[in-house]
PDB file of all heavy atoms in Angstrom:
ATOM      1  N   VAL A   1     -12.533   8.987   0.402  1.00  0.00           N
ATOM      2  CA  VAL A   1     -11.764   7.830   0.869  1.00  0.00           C
ATOM      3  C   VAL A   1     -12.516   6.546   0.571  1.00  0.00           C
ATOM      4  O   VAL A   1     -11.946   5.578   0.029  1.00  0.00           O
ATOM      5  CB  VAL A   1     -11.470   7.949   2.379  1.00  0.00           C
ATOM      6  CG1 VAL A   1     -10.845   6.657   2.899  1.00  0.00           C
ATOM      7  CG2 VAL A   1     -10.542   9.129   2.649  1.00  0.00           C
ATOM      8  N   LEU A   2     -13.795   6.505   0.900  1.00  0.00           N
ATOM      9  CA  LEU A   2     -14.568   5.281   0.702  1.00  0.00           C
ATOM     10  C   LEU A   2     -14.809   5.006  -0.773  1.00  0.00           C
ATOM     11  O   LEU A   2     -14.793   3.841  -1.202  1.00  0.00           O
ATOM     12  CB  LEU A   2     -15.893   5.378   1.452  1.00  0.00           C
ATOM     13  CG  LEU A   2     -15.801   5.468   2.977  1.00  0.00           C
ATOM     14  CD1 LEU A   2     -17.180   5.553   3.589  1.00  0.00           C
ATOM     15  CD2 LEU A   2     -15.034   4.281   3.548  1.00  0.00           C
ATOM     16  N   ALA A   3     -15.044   6.057  -1.566  1.00  0.00           N
ATOM     17  CA  ALA A   3     -15.241   5.849  -3.005  1.00  0.00           C
ATOM     18  C   ALA A   3     -14.012   5.213  -3.631  1.00  0.00           C
ATOM     19  O   ALA A   3     -14.119   4.343  -4.516  1.00  0.00           O
ATOM     20  CB  ALA A   3     -15.566   7.175  -3.687  1.00  0.00           C
ATOM     21  N   ARG A   4     -12.825   5.603  -3.166  1.00  0.00           N
ATOM     22  CA  ARG A   4     -11.597   4.998  -3.684  1.00  0.00           C
ATOM     23  C   ARG A   4     -11.376   3.602  -3.106  1.00  0.00           C
ATOM     24  O   ARG A   4     -10.987   2.669  -3.835  1.00  0.00           O
ATOM     25  CB  ARG A   4     -10.400   5.908  -3.364  1.00  0.00           C
ATOM     26  CG  ARG A   4     -10.415   7.195  -4.167  1.00  0.00           C
ATOM     27  CD  ARG A   4      -9.320   8.170  -3.741  1.00  0.00           C
ATOM     28  NE  ARG A   4      -9.358   9.377  -4.551  1.00  0.00           N
ATOM     29  CZ  ARG A   4      -8.609  10.445  -4.330  1.00  0.00           C
ATOM     30  NH1 ARG A   4      -7.755  10.480  -3.309  1.00  0.00           N
ATOM     31  NH2 ARG A   4      -8.709  11.505  -5.120  1.00  0.00           N
ATOM     32  N   TYR A   5     -11.640   3.456  -1.841  1.00  0.00           N
ATOM     33  CA  TYR A   5     -11.412   2.148  -1.202  1.00  0.00           C
ATOM     34  C   TYR A   5     -12.246   1.069  -1.879  1.00  0.00           C
ATOM     35  O   TYR A   5     -11.775  -0.049  -2.094  1.00  0.00           O
ATOM     36  CB  TYR A   5     -11.770   2.237   0.278  1.00  0.00           C
ATOM     37  CG  TYR A   5     -11.350   1.037   1.085  1.00  0.00           C
ATOM     38  CD1 TYR A   5     -10.035   0.900   1.516  1.00  0.00           C
ATOM     39  CD2 TYR A   5     -12.263   0.051   1.416  1.00  0.00           C
ATOM     40  CE1 TYR A   5      -9.631  -0.206   2.256  1.00  0.00           C
ATOM     41  CE2 TYR A   5     -11.882  -1.060   2.156  1.00  0.00           C
ATOM     42  CZ  TYR A   5     -10.561  -1.186   2.574  1.00  0.00           C
ATOM     43  OH  TYR A   5     -10.170  -2.280   3.307  1.00  0.00           O
ATOM     44  N   TYR A   6     -13.485   1.420  -2.235  1.00  0.00           N
ATOM     45  CA  TYR A   6     -14.376   0.450  -2.866  1.00  0.00           C
ATOM     46  C   TYR A   6     -14.430   0.590  -4.386  1.00  0.00           C
ATOM     47  O   TYR A   6     -15.190  -0.131  -5.039  1.00  0.00           O
ATOM     48  CB  TYR A   6     -15.786   0.596  -2.307  1.00  0.00           C
ATOM     49  CG  TYR A   6     -15.879   0.319  -0.823  1.00  0.00           C
ATOM     50  CD1 TYR A   6     -16.298   1.305   0.064  1.00  0.00           C
ATOM     51  CD2 TYR A   6     -15.532  -0.923  -0.301  1.00  0.00           C
ATOM     52  CE1 TYR A   6     -16.376   1.056   1.424  1.00  0.00           C
ATOM     53  CE2 TYR A   6     -15.600  -1.174   1.061  1.00  0.00           C
ATOM     54  CZ  TYR A   6     -16.021  -0.185   1.915  1.00  0.00           C
ATOM     55  OH  TYR A   6     -16.095  -0.434   3.267  1.00  0.00           O
ATOM     56  N   ALA A   7     -13.636   1.516  -4.957  1.00  0.00           N
ATOM     57  CA  ALA A   7     -13.691   1.794  -6.399  1.00  0.00           C
ATOM     58  C   ALA A   7     -15.149   1.952  -6.836  1.00  0.00           C
ATOM     59  O   ALA A   7     -15.629   1.312  -7.779  1.00  0.00           O
ATOM     60  CB  ALA A   7     -12.992   0.695  -7.198  1.00  0.00           C
ATOM     61  N   LEU A   8     -15.843   2.849  -6.159  1.00  0.00           N
ATOM     62  CA  LEU A   8     -17.277   3.042  -6.386  1.00  0.00           C
ATOM     63  C   LEU A   8     -17.526   3.508  -7.816  1.00  0.00           C
ATOM     64  O   LEU A   8     -16.969   4.515  -8.249  1.00  0.00           O
ATOM     65  CB  LEU A   8     -17.792   4.073  -5.381  1.00  0.00           C
ATOM     66  CG  LEU A   8     -19.301   4.293  -5.316  1.00  0.00           C
ATOM     67  CD1 LEU A   8     -20.002   3.039  -4.809  1.00  0.00           C
ATOM     68  CD2 LEU A   8     -19.616   5.476  -4.397  1.00  0.00           C
ATOM     69  N   ASP A   9     -18.363   2.768  -8.538  1.00  0.00           N
ATOM     70  CA  ASP A   9     -18.519   3.029  -9.966  1.00  0.00           C
ATOM     71  C   ASP A   9     -19.669   3.979 -10.296  1.00  0.00           C
ATOM     72  O   ASP A   9     -20.060   4.107 -11.463  1.00  0.00           O
ATOM     73  CB  ASP A   9     -18.696   1.705 -10.729  1.00  0.00           C
ATOM     74  CG  ASP A   9     -19.918   0.921 -10.267  1.00  0.00           C
ATOM     75  OD1 ASP A   9     -20.622   1.396  -9.349  1.00  0.00           O
ATOM     76  OD2 ASP A   9     -20.166  -0.175 -10.817  1.00  0.00           O
ATOM     77  N   VAL A  10     -20.216   4.651  -9.281  1.00  0.00           N
ATOM     78  CA  VAL A  10     -21.258   5.662  -9.493  1.00  0.00           C
ATOM     79  C   VAL A  10     -20.909   6.874  -8.634  1.00  0.00           C
ATOM     80  O   VAL A  10     -20.111   6.766  -7.698  1.00  0.00           O
ATOM     81  CB  VAL A  10     -22.656   5.126  -9.106  1.00  0.00           C
ATOM     82  CG1 VAL A  10     -23.071   3.973 -10.008  1.00  0.00           C
ATOM     83  CG2 VAL A  10     -22.703   4.731  -7.637  1.00  0.00           C
ATOM     84  N   PRO A  11     -21.476   8.039  -8.916  1.00  0.00           N
ATOM     85  CA  PRO A  11     -21.256   9.183  -8.022  1.00  0.00           C
ATOM     86  C   PRO A  11     -21.679   8.849  -6.593  1.00  0.00           C
ATOM     87  O   PRO A  11     -22.620   8.076  -6.369  1.00  0.00           O
ATOM     88  CB  PRO A  11     -22.147  10.277  -8.628  1.00  0.00           C
ATOM     89  CG  PRO A  11     -22.257   9.911 -10.070  1.00  0.00           C
ATOM     90  CD  PRO A  11     -22.284   8.412 -10.103  1.00  0.00           C
ATOM     91  N   VAL A  12     -20.988   9.445  -5.640  1.00  0.00           N
ATOM     92  CA  VAL A  12     -21.215   9.121  -4.221  1.00  0.00           C
ATOM     93  C   VAL A  12     -22.671   9.284  -3.829  1.00  0.00           C
ATOM     94  O   VAL A  12     -23.215   8.462  -3.080  1.00  0.00           O
ATOM     95  CB  VAL A  12     -20.308  10.007  -3.335  1.00  0.00           C
ATOM     96  CG1 VAL A  12     -20.752   9.961  -1.884  1.00  0.00           C
ATOM     97  CG2 VAL A  12     -18.856   9.559  -3.453  1.00  0.00           C
ATOM     98  N   ARG A  13     -23.326  10.323  -4.315  1.00  0.00           N
ATOM     99  CA  ARG A  13     -24.707  10.590  -3.887  1.00  0.00           C
ATOM    100  C   ARG A  13     -25.652   9.458  -4.251  1.00  0.00           C
ATOM    101  O   ARG A  13     -26.712   9.311  -3.639  1.00  0.00           O
ATOM    102  CB  ARG A  13     -25.197  11.899  -4.481  1.00  0.00           C
ATOM    103  CG  ARG A  13     -25.336  11.920  -5.993  1.00  0.00           C
ATOM    104  CD  ARG A  13     -25.629  13.325  -6.490  1.00  0.00           C
ATOM    105  NE  ARG A  13     -25.779  13.393  -7.928  1.00  0.00           N
ATOM    106  CZ  ARG A  13     -25.781  14.529  -8.619  1.00  0.00           C
ATOM    107  NH1 ARG A  13     -25.624  15.684  -7.968  1.00  0.00           N
ATOM    108  NH2 ARG A  13     -25.938  14.531  -9.924  1.00  0.00           N
ATOM    109  N   GLU A  14     -25.281   8.614  -5.228  1.00  0.00           N
ATOM    110  CA  GLU A  14     -26.123   7.492  -5.610  1.00  0.00           C
ATOM    111  C   GLU A  14     -25.921   6.278  -4.717  1.00  0.00           C
ATOM    112  O   GLU A  14     -26.685   5.299  -4.816  1.00  0.00           O
ATOM    113  CB  GLU A  14     -25.870   7.115  -7.074  1.00  0.00           C
ATOM    114  CG  GLU A  14     -26.255   8.213  -8.055  1.00  0.00           C
ATOM    115  CD  GLU A  14     -26.013   7.806  -9.495  1.00  0.00           C
ATOM    116  OE1 GLU A  14     -26.019   6.580  -9.775  1.00  0.00           O
ATOM    117  OE2 GLU A  14     -25.806   8.708 -10.341  1.00  0.00           O
ATOM    118  N   ALA A  15     -24.890   6.319  -3.862  1.00  0.00           N
ATOM    119  CA  ALA A  15     -24.617   5.167  -2.993  1.00  0.00           C
ATOM    120  C   ALA A  15     -24.345   5.606  -1.556  1.00  0.00           C
ATOM    121  O   ALA A  15     -23.704   4.889  -0.798  1.00  0.00           O
ATOM    122  CB  ALA A  15     -23.424   4.375  -3.536  1.00  0.00           C
ATOM    123  N   LYS A  16     -24.859   6.773  -1.189  1.00  0.00           N
ATOM    124  CA  LYS A  16     -24.534   7.368   0.113  1.00  0.00           C
ATOM    125  C   LYS A  16     -24.927   6.453   1.264  1.00  0.00           C
ATOM    126  O   LYS A  16     -24.153   6.259   2.212  1.00  0.00           O
ATOM    127  CB  LYS A  16     -25.257   8.706   0.248  1.00  0.00           C
ATOM    128  CG  LYS A  16     -24.774   9.561   1.409  1.00  0.00           C
ATOM    129  CD  LYS A  16     -23.493  10.273   1.084  1.00  0.00           C
ATOM    130  CE  LYS A  16     -23.140  11.297   2.145  1.00  0.00           C
ATOM    131  NZ  LYS A  16     -21.939  12.066   1.805  1.00  0.00           N
ATOM    132  N   GLU A  17     -26.112   5.886   1.218  1.00  0.00           N
ATOM    133  CA  GLU A  17     -26.562   5.058   2.332  1.00  0.00           C
ATOM    134  C   GLU A  17     -25.792   3.751   2.408  1.00  0.00           C
ATOM    135  O   GLU A  17     -25.569   3.218   3.493  1.00  0.00           O
ATOM    136  CB  GLU A  17     -28.064   4.811   2.237  1.00  0.00           C
ATOM    137  CG  GLU A  17     -28.895   6.076   2.471  1.00  0.00           C
ATOM    138  CD  GLU A  17     -28.448   6.847   3.714  1.00  0.00           C
ATOM    139  OE1 GLU A  17     -28.342   6.229   4.792  1.00  0.00           O
ATOM    140  OE2 GLU A  17     -28.198   8.067   3.597  1.00  0.00           O
ATOM    141  N   GLU A  18     -25.388   3.217   1.268  1.00  0.00           N
ATOM    142  CA  GLU A  18     -24.551   2.008   1.280  1.00  0.00           C
ATOM    143  C   GLU A  18     -23.189   2.305   1.906  1.00  0.00           C
ATOM    144  O   GLU A  18     -22.655   1.496   2.684  1.00  0.00           O
ATOM    145  CB  GLU A  18     -24.379   1.472  -0.136  1.00  0.00           C
ATOM    146  CG  GLU A  18     -25.658   0.925  -0.749  1.00  0.00           C
ATOM    147  CD  GLU A  18     -25.459   0.543  -2.199  1.00  0.00           C
ATOM    148  OE1 GLU A  18     -24.593  -0.317  -2.467  1.00  0.00           O
ATOM    149  OE2 GLU A  18     -26.137   1.117  -3.071  1.00  0.00           O
ATOM    150  N   LEU A  19     -22.610   3.443   1.563  1.00  0.00           N
ATOM    151  CA  LEU A  19     -21.331   3.837   2.161  1.00  0.00           C
ATOM    152  C   LEU A  19     -21.482   4.044   3.665  1.00  0.00           C
ATOM    153  O   LEU A  19     -20.622   3.629   4.452  1.00  0.00           O
ATOM    154  CB  LEU A  19     -20.810   5.111   1.505  1.00  0.00           C
ATOM    155  CG  LEU A  19     -20.377   5.009   0.047  1.00  0.00           C
ATOM    156  CD1 LEU A  19     -19.959   6.384  -0.474  1.00  0.00           C
ATOM    157  CD2 LEU A  19     -19.233   4.016  -0.113  1.00  0.00           C
ATOM    158  N   ARG A  20     -22.590   4.669   4.058  1.00  0.00           N
ATOM    159  CA  ARG A  20     -22.817   4.902   5.483  1.00  0.00           C
ATOM    160  C   ARG A  20     -22.931   3.572   6.237  1.00  0.00           C
ATOM    161  O   ARG A  20     -22.380   3.404   7.323  1.00  0.00           O
ATOM    162  CB  ARG A  20     -24.082   5.734   5.679  1.00  0.00           C
ATOM    163  CG  ARG A  20     -24.253   6.242   7.121  1.00  0.00           C
ATOM    164  CD  ARG A  20     -25.581   6.982   7.288  1.00  0.00           C
ATOM    165  NE  ARG A  20     -25.786   7.984   6.269  1.00  0.00           N
ATOM    166  CZ  ARG A  20     -25.227   9.180   6.279  1.00  0.00           C
ATOM    167  NH1 ARG A  20     -24.415   9.517   7.280  1.00  0.00           N
ATOM    168  NH2 ARG A  20     -25.475  10.042   5.315  1.00  0.00           N
ATOM    169  N   ALA A  21     -23.649   2.615   5.639  1.00  0.00           N
ATOM    170  CA  ALA A  21     -23.812   1.315   6.282  1.00  0.00           C
ATOM    171  C   ALA A  21     -22.482   0.581   6.387  1.00  0.00           C
ATOM    172  O   ALA A  21     -22.185  -0.063   7.410  1.00  0.00           O
ATOM    173  CB  ALA A  21     -24.828   0.481   5.502  1.00  0.00           C
ATOM    174  N   ALA A  22     -21.671   0.680   5.325  1.00  0.00           N
ATOM    175  CA  ALA A  22     -20.363   0.024   5.356  1.00  0.00           C
ATOM    176  C   ALA A  22     -19.481   0.633   6.436  1.00  0.00           C
ATOM    177  O   ALA A  22     -18.768  -0.081   7.161  1.00  0.00           O
ATOM    178  CB  ALA A  22     -19.689   0.146   3.985  1.00  0.00           C
ATOM    179  N   LEU A  23     -19.524   1.963   6.577  1.00  0.00           N
ATOM    180  CA  LEU A  23     -18.724   2.628   7.600  1.00  0.00           C
ATOM    181  C   LEU A  23     -19.256   2.306   8.997  1.00  0.00           C
ATOM    182  O   LEU A  23     -18.482   2.067   9.931  1.00  0.00           O
ATOM    183  CB  LEU A  23     -18.745   4.141   7.357  1.00  0.00           C
ATOM    184  CG  LEU A  23     -17.848   5.000   8.243  1.00  0.00           C
ATOM    185  CD1 LEU A  23     -16.382   4.657   8.028  1.00  0.00           C
ATOM    186  CD2 LEU A  23     -18.092   6.484   7.966  1.00  0.00           C
ATOM    187  N   GLN A  24     -20.575   2.293   9.147  1.00  0.00           N
ATOM    188  CA  GLN A  24     -21.177   2.007  10.447  1.00  0.00           C
ATOM    189  C   GLN A  24     -20.764   0.637  10.974  1.00  0.00           C
ATOM    190  O   GLN A  24     -20.583   0.445  12.180  1.00  0.00           O
ATOM    191  CB  GLN A  24     -22.704   2.083  10.326  1.00  0.00           C
ATOM    192  CG  GLN A  24     -23.453   1.850  11.632  1.00  0.00           C
ATOM    193  CD  GLN A  24     -23.165   2.930  12.667  1.00  0.00           C
ATOM    194  OE1 GLN A  24     -23.386   4.100  12.417  1.00  0.00           O
ATOM    195  NE2 GLN A  24     -22.664   2.536  13.829  1.00  0.00           N
ATOM    196  N   ALA A  25     -20.566  -0.292  10.063  1.00  0.00           N
ATOM    197  CA  ALA A  25     -20.255  -1.666  10.467  1.00  0.00           C
ATOM    198  C   ALA A  25     -18.889  -1.804  11.119  1.00  0.00           C
ATOM    199  O   ALA A  25     -18.603  -2.839  11.731  1.00  0.00           O
ATOM    200  CB  ALA A  25     -20.344  -2.587   9.247  1.00  0.00           C
ATOM    201  N   LEU A  26     -18.042  -0.791  11.011  1.00  0.00           N
ATOM    202  CA  LEU A  26     -16.676  -0.940  11.524  1.00  0.00           C
ATOM    203  C   LEU A  26     -16.288   0.130  12.536  1.00  0.00           C
ATOM    204  O   LEU A  26     -15.128   0.199  12.945  1.00  0.00           O
ATOM    205  CB  LEU A  26     -15.674  -0.946  10.369  1.00  0.00           C
ATOM    206  CG  LEU A  26     -15.680   0.239   9.402  1.00  0.00           C
ATOM    207  CD1 LEU A  26     -14.711   1.308   9.833  1.00  0.00           C
ATOM    208  CD2 LEU A  26     -15.392  -0.228   8.004  1.00  0.00           C
ATOM    209  N   VAL A  27     -17.240   0.968  12.973  1.00  0.00           N
ATOM    210  CA  VAL A  27     -16.904   2.016  13.953  1.00  0.00           C
ATOM    211  C   VAL A  27     -16.499   1.365  15.276  1.00  0.00           C
ATOM    212  O   VAL A  27     -17.271   0.622  15.868  1.00  0.00           O
ATOM    213  CB  VAL A  27     -18.095   2.962  14.181  1.00  0.00           C
ATOM    214  CG1 VAL A  27     -17.737   4.003  15.239  1.00  0.00           C
ATOM    215  CG2 VAL A  27     -18.484   3.652  12.878  1.00  0.00           C
ATOM    216  N   PRO A  28     -15.279   1.629  15.764  1.00  0.00           N
ATOM    217  CA  PRO A  28     -14.803   1.008  17.001  1.00  0.00           C
ATOM    218  C   PRO A  28     -15.259   1.770  18.239  1.00  0.00           C
ATOM    219  O   PRO A  28     -15.952   2.790  18.139  1.00  0.00           O
ATOM    220  CB  PRO A  28     -13.285   1.074  16.846  1.00  0.00           C
ATOM    221  CG  PRO A  28     -13.075   2.348  16.088  1.00  0.00           C
ATOM    222  CD  PRO A  28     -14.246   2.475  15.139  1.00  0.00           C
ATOM    223  N   GLN A  29     -14.856   1.304  19.411  1.00  0.00           N
ATOM    224  CA  GLN A  29     -15.216   1.991  20.644  1.00  0.00           C
ATOM    225  C   GLN A  29     -14.617   3.401  20.694  1.00  0.00           C
ATOM    226  O   GLN A  29     -15.242   4.317  21.231  1.00  0.00           O
ATOM    227  CB  GLN A  29     -14.762   1.175  21.859  1.00  0.00           C
ATOM    228  CG  GLN A  29     -15.598  -0.088  22.087  1.00  0.00           C
ATOM    229  CD  GLN A  29     -15.260  -0.764  23.396  1.00  0.00           C
ATOM    230  OE1 GLN A  29     -14.124  -0.703  23.859  1.00  0.00           O
ATOM    231  NE2 GLN A  29     -16.248  -1.413  23.987  1.00  0.00           N
ATOM    232  N   ARG A  30     -13.426   3.569  20.153  1.00  0.00           N
ATOM    233  CA  ARG A  30     -12.840   4.910  20.060  1.00  0.00           C
ATOM    234  C   ARG A  30     -13.462   5.640  18.865  1.00  0.00           C
ATOM    235  O   ARG A  30     -12.808   6.043  17.928  1.00  0.00           O
ATOM    236  CB  ARG A  30     -11.322   4.835  19.906  1.00  0.00           C
ATOM    237  CG  ARG A  30     -10.569   4.422  21.155  1.00  0.00           C
ATOM    238  CD  ARG A  30      -9.070   4.288  20.852  1.00  0.00           C
ATOM    239  NE  ARG A  30      -8.486   5.545  20.385  1.00  0.00           N
ATOM    240  CZ  ARG A  30      -7.241   5.649  19.899  1.00  0.00           C
ATOM    241  NH1 ARG A  30      -6.465   4.556  19.808  1.00  0.00           N
ATOM    242  NH2 ARG A  30      -6.780   6.825  19.506  1.00  0.00           N
ATOM    243  N   ALA A  31     -14.776   5.818  18.940  1.00  0.00           N
ATOM    244  CA  ALA A  31     -15.511   6.329  17.786  1.00  0.00           C
ATOM    245  C   ALA A  31     -15.066   7.735  17.397  1.00  0.00           C
ATOM    246  O   ALA A  31     -14.957   8.053  16.217  1.00  0.00           O
ATOM    247  CB  ALA A  31     -17.006   6.316  18.080  1.00  0.00           C
ATOM    248  N   GLY A  32     -14.815   8.583  18.398  1.00  0.00           N
ATOM    249  CA  GLY A  32     -14.412   9.950  18.090  1.00  0.00           C
ATOM    250  C   GLY A  32     -13.067  10.023  17.418  1.00  0.00           C
ATOM    251  O   GLY A  32     -12.886  10.734  16.417  1.00  0.00           O
ATOM    252  N   ASP A  33     -12.083   9.294  17.950  1.00  0.00           N
ATOM    253  CA  ASP A  33     -10.759   9.285  17.327  1.00  0.00           C
ATOM    254  C   ASP A  33     -10.821   8.657  15.940  1.00  0.00           C
ATOM    255  O   ASP A  33     -10.135   9.103  15.010  1.00  0.00           O
ATOM    256  CB  ASP A  33      -9.764   8.525  18.207  1.00  0.00           C
ATOM    257  CG  ASP A  33      -9.295   9.344  19.398  1.00  0.00           C
ATOM    258  OD1 ASP A  33      -9.563  10.562  19.424  1.00  0.00           O
ATOM    259  OD2 ASP A  33      -8.658   8.771  20.301  1.00  0.00           O
ATOM    260  N   PHE A  34     -11.656   7.635  15.776  1.00  0.00           N
ATOM    261  CA  PHE A  34     -11.776   6.991  14.468  1.00  0.00           C
ATOM    262  C   PHE A  34     -12.367   7.970  13.447  1.00  0.00           C
ATOM    263  O   PHE A  34     -11.864   8.070  12.313  1.00  0.00           O
ATOM    264  CB  PHE A  34     -12.649   5.742  14.566  1.00  0.00           C
ATOM    265  CG  PHE A  34     -12.863   5.049  13.255  1.00  0.00           C
ATOM    266  CD1 PHE A  34     -11.830   4.321  12.669  1.00  0.00           C
ATOM    267  CD2 PHE A  34     -14.085   5.126  12.598  1.00  0.00           C
ATOM    268  CE1 PHE A  34     -12.012   3.678  11.445  1.00  0.00           C
ATOM    269  CE2 PHE A  34     -14.276   4.494  11.382  1.00  0.00           C
ATOM    270  CZ  PHE A  34     -13.248   3.765  10.801  1.00  0.00           C
ATOM    271  N   ALA A  35     -13.405   8.691  13.841  1.00  0.00           N
ATOM    272  CA  ALA A  35     -14.015   9.657  12.922  1.00  0.00           C
ATOM    273  C   ALA A  35     -12.998  10.705  12.493  1.00  0.00           C
ATOM    274  O   ALA A  35     -12.881  11.052  11.313  1.00  0.00           O
ATOM    275  CB  ALA A  35     -15.223  10.317  13.586  1.00  0.00           C
ATOM    276  N   GLN A  36     -12.250  11.227  13.460  1.00  0.00           N
ATOM    277  CA  GLN A  36     -11.263  12.265  13.140  1.00  0.00           C
ATOM    278  C   GLN A  36     -10.099  11.693  12.341  1.00  0.00           C
ATOM    279  O   GLN A  36      -9.525  12.377  11.485  1.00  0.00           O
ATOM    280  CB  GLN A  36     -10.777  12.917  14.435  1.00  0.00           C
ATOM    281  CG  GLN A  36     -11.881  13.713  15.118  1.00  0.00           C
ATOM    282  CD  GLN A  36     -11.468  14.243  16.483  1.00  0.00           C
ATOM    283  OE1 GLN A  36     -11.274  15.445  16.649  1.00  0.00           O
ATOM    284  NE2 GLN A  36     -11.324  13.361  17.449  1.00  0.00           N
ATOM    285  N   ALA A  37      -9.753  10.433  12.605  1.00  0.00           N
ATOM    286  CA  ALA A  37      -8.690   9.789  11.829  1.00  0.00           C
ATOM    287  C   ALA A  37      -9.081   9.668  10.365  1.00  0.00           C
ATOM    288  O   ALA A  37      -8.275   9.958   9.461  1.00  0.00           O
ATOM    289  CB  ALA A  37      -8.397   8.407  12.411  1.00  0.00           C
ATOM    290  N   MET A  38     -10.315   9.268  10.103  1.00  0.00           N
ATOM    291  CA  MET A  38     -10.762   9.126   8.726  1.00  0.00           C
ATOM    292  C   MET A  38     -10.836  10.490   8.036  1.00  0.00           C
ATOM    293  O   MET A  38     -10.503  10.626   6.852  1.00  0.00           O
ATOM    294  CB  MET A  38     -12.119   8.429   8.688  1.00  0.00           C
ATOM    295  CG  MET A  38     -12.074   6.965   9.133  1.00  0.00           C
ATOM    296  SD  MET A  38     -11.069   5.915   8.042  1.00  0.00           S
ATOM    297  CE  MET A  38     -12.102   5.853   6.571  1.00  0.00           C
ATOM    298  N   MET A  39     -11.250  11.508   8.783  1.00  0.00           N
ATOM    299  CA  MET A  39     -11.238  12.863   8.219  1.00  0.00           C
ATOM    300  C   MET A  39      -9.813  13.275   7.853  1.00  0.00           C
ATOM    301  O   MET A  39      -9.569  13.853   6.783  1.00  0.00           O
ATOM    302  CB  MET A  39     -11.803  13.858   9.228  1.00  0.00           C
ATOM    303  CG  MET A  39     -13.266  13.695   9.551  1.00  0.00           C
ATOM    304  SD  MET A  39     -13.748  14.874  10.861  1.00  0.00           S
ATOM    305  CE  MET A  39     -15.388  14.273  11.274  1.00  0.00           C
ATOM    306  N   ASP A  40      -8.871  12.987   8.744  1.00  0.00           N
ATOM    307  CA  ASP A  40      -7.474  13.355   8.487  1.00  0.00           C
ATOM    308  C   ASP A  40      -6.908  12.596   7.292  1.00  0.00           C
ATOM    309  O   ASP A  40      -6.120  13.145   6.510  1.00  0.00           O
ATOM    310  CB  ASP A  40      -6.623  13.087   9.728  1.00  0.00           C
ATOM    311  CG  ASP A  40      -6.787  14.163  10.789  1.00  0.00           C
ATOM    312  OD1 ASP A  40      -7.675  15.020  10.636  1.00  0.00           O
ATOM    313  OD2 ASP A  40      -6.034  14.147  11.790  1.00  0.00           O
ATOM    314  N   LEU A  41      -7.289  11.336   7.146  1.00  0.00           N
ATOM    315  CA  LEU A  41      -6.844  10.568   5.979  1.00  0.00           C
ATOM    316  C   LEU A  41      -7.262  11.269   4.689  1.00  0.00           C
ATOM    317  O   LEU A  41      -6.473  11.425   3.760  1.00  0.00           O
ATOM    318  CB  LEU A  41      -7.442   9.159   6.003  1.00  0.00           C
ATOM    319  CG  LEU A  41      -6.699   8.059   6.741  1.00  0.00           C
ATOM    320  CD1 LEU A  41      -7.430   6.738   6.576  1.00  0.00           C
ATOM    321  CD2 LEU A  41      -5.274   7.925   6.222  1.00  0.00           C
ATOM    322  N   GLY A  42      -8.532  11.678   4.650  1.00  0.00           N
ATOM    323  CA  GLY A  42      -9.026  12.343   3.449  1.00  0.00           C
ATOM    324  C   GLY A  42      -8.403  13.700   3.219  1.00  0.00           C
ATOM    325  O   GLY A  42      -8.239  14.136   2.082  1.00  0.00           O
ATOM    326  N   ALA A  43      -8.050  14.382   4.305  1.00  0.00           N
ATOM    327  CA  ALA A  43      -7.485  15.730   4.172  1.00  0.00           C
ATOM    328  C   ALA A  43      -6.006  15.728   3.836  1.00  0.00           C
ATOM    329  O   ALA A  43      -5.507  16.678   3.214  1.00  0.00           O
ATOM    330  CB  ALA A  43      -7.716  16.504   5.474  1.00  0.00           C
ATOM    331  N   THR A  44      -5.286  14.687   4.234  1.00  0.00           N
ATOM    332  CA  THR A  44      -3.825  14.724   4.099  1.00  0.00           C
ATOM    333  C   THR A  44      -3.246  13.634   3.202  1.00  0.00           C
ATOM    334  O   THR A  44      -2.294  13.886   2.466  1.00  0.00           O
ATOM    335  CB  THR A  44      -3.164  14.597   5.487  1.00  0.00           C
ATOM    336  OG1 THR A  44      -3.496  13.323   6.060  1.00  0.00           O
ATOM    337  CG2 THR A  44      -3.622  15.708   6.413  1.00  0.00           C
TER     338      THR A  44
END
């Protein structure tokens, strides 16, 4: 999901920590529902 959202121009493993930091910056108080929502987006 994040590789597509940012049109990441390298394999994910080369930018894993940058992706993690970008995701960390937007985790809301409903952190559990948000995590599962993002998983569901990628799965469906």
